[in-house]
Protein backbone atom coordinates (compact mmCIF):
# COMPACT_ATOMS: atom_id res chain seq x y z
CA THR A 1 -114.53 144.26 58.86
CA LYS A 2 -114.40 144.39 55.06
CA PHE A 3 -113.95 140.60 55.12
CA ASP A 4 -117.15 140.05 57.11
CA VAL A 5 -118.94 139.23 53.87
CA SER A 6 -120.78 135.97 53.30
CA VAL A 7 -119.09 133.49 50.98
CA ASP A 8 -121.47 133.44 48.02
CA ALA A 9 -119.78 131.01 45.63
CA ASP A 10 -117.85 127.76 45.68
CA THR A 11 -114.21 128.01 44.65
CA SER A 12 -110.88 126.28 45.03
CA GLY A 13 -107.21 127.16 44.84
CA THR A 14 -103.91 127.34 46.63
CA MET A 15 -103.45 129.76 49.52
CA PRO A 16 -101.87 132.53 47.37
CA GLU A 17 -104.66 132.15 44.79
CA LEU A 18 -107.40 132.27 47.43
CA VAL A 19 -105.84 135.29 49.19
CA HIS A 20 -105.84 137.20 45.88
CA TYR A 21 -109.44 136.08 45.22
CA ILE A 22 -110.60 137.22 48.68
CA CYS A 23 -108.86 140.61 48.42
CA GLU A 24 -110.40 141.23 45.00
CA LYS A 25 -113.83 140.13 46.23
CA CYS A 26 -113.73 142.35 49.35
CA GLY A 27 -111.87 145.35 47.91
CA VAL A 28 -108.82 145.15 50.16
CA GLY A 29 -105.23 145.69 49.03
CA GLN A 30 -102.73 142.84 49.22
CA ALA A 31 -99.32 143.46 50.81
CA GLN A 32 -97.53 140.35 49.56
CA THR A 33 -96.85 138.94 46.12
CA PRO A 34 -97.75 135.32 45.27
CA GLU A 35 -94.03 134.53 45.47
CA GLU A 36 -93.82 135.92 49.02
CA LEU A 37 -96.91 133.98 50.09
CA ALA A 38 -95.42 130.83 48.57
CA GLN A 39 -92.73 130.91 51.29
CA PHE A 40 -95.30 129.80 53.87
CA VAL A 41 -95.94 126.11 54.55
CA ASN A 42 -98.78 124.39 52.68
CA SER A 43 -98.94 127.26 50.17
CA ASP A 44 -99.04 124.76 47.30
CA MET A 45 -101.90 122.68 48.72
CA LEU A 46 -105.22 122.85 46.91
CA TYR A 47 -108.11 123.92 49.15
CA SER A 48 -111.82 123.52 48.39
CA VAL A 49 -114.17 126.27 49.54
CA TYR A 50 -117.89 125.51 49.65
CA ALA A 51 -120.26 128.34 50.56
CA GLU A 52 -122.36 125.99 52.67
CA ASN A 53 -119.38 125.19 54.91
CA VAL A 54 -117.57 128.56 55.17
CA GLU A 55 -119.61 131.46 56.51
CA THR A 56 -117.53 134.56 55.67
CA TYR A 57 -114.34 135.51 53.87
CA ARG A 58 -112.93 136.45 57.27
CA ASP A 59 -113.48 132.84 58.38
CA LEU A 60 -111.77 131.64 55.20
CA LEU A 61 -108.75 133.85 55.94
CA ALA A 62 -108.59 132.41 59.47
CA TYR A 63 -108.47 128.86 58.05
CA LEU A 64 -105.81 129.81 55.50
CA GLY A 65 -103.72 131.52 58.18
CA MET A 66 -103.81 128.49 60.48
CA LEU A 67 -102.94 126.12 57.64
CA SER A 68 -100.00 128.39 56.74
CA ALA A 69 -98.68 128.37 60.35
CA GLY A 70 -99.31 132.10 60.62
CA PHE A 71 -102.05 134.70 60.87
CA PHE A 72 -103.49 137.53 58.79
CA THR A 73 -103.58 141.16 59.84
CA ILE A 74 -103.80 144.58 58.22
CA ASP A 75 -100.54 146.52 57.81
CA ARG A 76 -99.93 150.26 58.17
CA HIS A 77 -101.00 150.80 54.56
CA ASN A 78 -104.40 149.10 55.01
CA ARG A 79 -103.33 146.00 53.09
CA LEU A 80 -103.80 142.37 54.05
CA VAL A 81 -100.60 140.67 55.18
CA LEU A 82 -99.83 137.11 56.31
CA ARG A 83 -97.39 137.05 59.22
CA SER A 84 -95.46 134.22 60.80
CA TYR A 85 -94.76 133.94 64.51
CA ALA A 86 -91.38 135.42 65.37
CA THR A 87 -88.72 133.00 66.59
CA THR A 88 -86.08 135.65 67.30
CA GLU A 89 -86.42 138.89 69.24
CA ASN A 90 -87.60 141.90 67.29
CA VAL A 91 -87.07 144.31 70.18
CA THR A 92 -85.61 144.33 73.69
CA LEU A 93 -87.40 146.26 76.43
CA GLY A 94 -85.90 147.17 79.80
CA LYS A 95 -86.33 149.56 82.71
CA LYS A 96 -85.80 152.66 80.59
CA GLN A 97 -89.08 151.90 78.80
CA ARG A 98 -90.83 152.52 82.14
CA PHE A 99 -92.51 149.20 82.66
CA ALA A 100 -95.42 149.21 85.07
CA ASN A 101 -97.49 146.29 86.37
CA ALA A 102 -95.34 143.71 84.58
CA THR A 103 -96.42 140.13 85.25
CA PHE A 104 -94.70 137.17 83.63
CA SER A 105 -95.99 133.59 83.64
CA ASP A 106 -94.05 130.85 85.42
CA TYR A 107 -93.92 128.70 82.31
CA THR A 108 -92.70 128.81 78.75
CA THR A 109 -95.12 127.75 76.05
CA LYS A 110 -93.88 125.15 73.57
CA PHE A 111 -95.76 122.86 71.22
CA LYS A 112 -95.40 119.10 70.90
CA GLY A 113 -98.37 118.36 68.68
CA ILE A 114 -101.19 119.59 66.51
CA SER A 115 -104.70 118.33 65.84
CA ALA A 116 -107.55 119.28 63.53
CA ARG A 117 -110.76 117.88 62.16
CA PHE A 118 -110.95 117.72 58.37
CA ILE A 119 -113.85 116.68 56.16
CA SER A 120 -113.85 112.99 55.34
CA GLU A 121 -116.81 111.67 53.36
CA GLU A 122 -118.98 114.69 54.28
CA ASN A 123 -118.28 114.36 58.03
CA TYR A 124 -115.43 115.69 60.13
CA ALA A 125 -112.73 113.21 61.14
CA PRO A 126 -109.91 113.90 63.64
CA TYR A 127 -106.27 114.03 62.57
CA GLU A 128 -103.25 114.52 64.83
CA GLU A 129 -99.48 114.75 64.64
CA THR A 130 -97.27 114.69 67.74
CA THR A 131 -93.63 114.58 68.78
CA GLU A 132 -91.92 113.00 71.77
CA SER A 133 -90.99 116.36 73.31
CA GLU A 134 -92.89 118.10 76.10
CA GLY A 135 -95.37 120.84 75.37
CA LEU A 136 -98.91 121.64 74.33
CA THR A 137 -101.02 120.26 71.52
CA LEU A 138 -102.55 123.00 69.40
CA ASP A 139 -106.13 122.19 68.36
CA LEU A 140 -107.10 123.96 65.14
CA GLY A 141 -110.71 122.79 65.41
CA ASP A 142 -112.87 122.09 62.35
CA ILE A 143 -111.23 123.06 59.05
CA PRO A 144 -113.82 122.69 56.26
CA ILE A 145 -111.55 123.60 53.33
CA VAL A 146 -109.23 120.57 53.52
CA ARG A 147 -110.31 117.47 51.65
CA GLY A 148 -108.49 114.64 49.95
CA LEU A 149 -106.45 111.66 51.02
CA PRO A 150 -105.52 111.02 54.67
CA GLU A 151 -101.84 111.20 53.67
CA THR A 152 -102.35 114.75 52.40
CA LYS A 153 -104.09 115.79 55.61
CA HIS A 154 -101.31 114.33 57.75
CA ALA A 155 -98.71 116.09 55.56
CA ILE A 156 -100.47 119.44 56.11
CA LEU A 157 -100.39 118.97 59.88
CA THR A 158 -96.76 117.81 59.83
CA ASN A 159 -95.77 120.95 57.90
CA ILE A 160 -97.51 123.17 60.48
CA LEU A 161 -95.98 121.25 63.40
CA ASN A 162 -92.49 121.67 61.95
CA VAL A 163 -93.01 125.43 62.24
CA LEU A 164 -94.66 125.30 65.67
CA LYS A 165 -91.74 123.31 67.11
CA THR A 166 -89.57 126.41 66.64
CA VAL A 167 -91.99 128.68 68.53
CA SER A 168 -91.38 129.24 72.25
CA TYR A 169 -92.67 132.10 74.36
CA THR A 170 -93.59 133.18 77.89
CA PRO A 171 -97.03 134.81 78.25
CA PHE A 172 -96.91 138.18 80.00
CA GLU A 173 -98.78 141.41 80.57
CA ILE A 174 -97.09 144.80 80.73
CA GLU A 175 -97.87 148.46 80.70
CA THR A 176 -95.28 150.58 78.93
CA LEU A 177 -94.95 153.74 76.90
CA GLY A 178 -95.25 151.61 73.80
CA ASN A 179 -93.41 151.47 70.55
CA PRO A 180 -95.19 152.15 67.25
CA ALA A 181 -92.65 149.95 65.46
CA LEU A 182 -94.01 146.83 67.21
CA ASP A 183 -96.33 144.62 65.17
CA LEU A 184 -98.58 141.71 65.98
CA GLY A 185 -96.47 138.55 66.02
CA ASP A 186 -93.22 140.26 67.06
CA MET A 187 -91.16 138.67 69.83
CA VAL A 188 -90.35 140.97 72.74
CA LYS A 189 -87.37 140.29 75.00
CA LYS A 190 -87.39 141.80 78.47
CA GLU A 191 -84.28 142.66 80.45
CA ASN A 192 -83.91 143.53 84.14
CA VAL A 193 -87.64 143.62 84.67
CA GLY A 194 -89.56 141.43 87.12
CA LYS A 195 -88.36 137.85 87.38
CA ASP A 196 -84.92 136.65 86.34
C-alpha cells in the first residue's frame, strides 16, 4: 500500500534506476542491487514515465514487472523484490502434507505469443510477437511507459516471449498444512495426489 501514491513528476530511466527511484520516493527498502536487477530481460531499456499517463507508483511497478518478465512482491524483510516465474520445482508435496480438496486442471498452460499496446504518436498501437508452437497469447494491455521505434518495441516483446516460452504450469487448488518457505512464484510439484 505504500506504493499507492500518485505519480507527481515526469521521469525516465532503466528498470533498475526506476525501481530505486520508486523505493526512495515511497520509503520502501529494496531487496536487490542494480546488478541483480540487471539480470532480468529489458533491464537496459529506457522507459519514459509521464504523470498524466501513469496513475500511481504501484501501477508503474506493475508495468516494470511485466516488461521484465516477472512480478514485484514484498519479501520477509519488508523490502521490494522482483521475482521471476519458476521453471523448476522449488518443492514437492505429497500425501504426507495432508492434501484436502485438491483439484487439478485438465490442461497445462504454455505461451506461444505476447501482445501489448504501446504509445505511438500519442495514441496506443498494438504490437505482437508469436511462435509456431501451441499455447496462449499473453496480453499485457496498455503499457504507457514504452516509447520509441517499432523495432525497439518488438525487441521488448521478443525478450519477454523468450522467457515465457520456458514457463509451463497446471492450474490447481489445494488445501494443505502449508509451508512458510513457499513464496509467490515458486513451482510446486505434486506426487501421488489426485490425477496421474
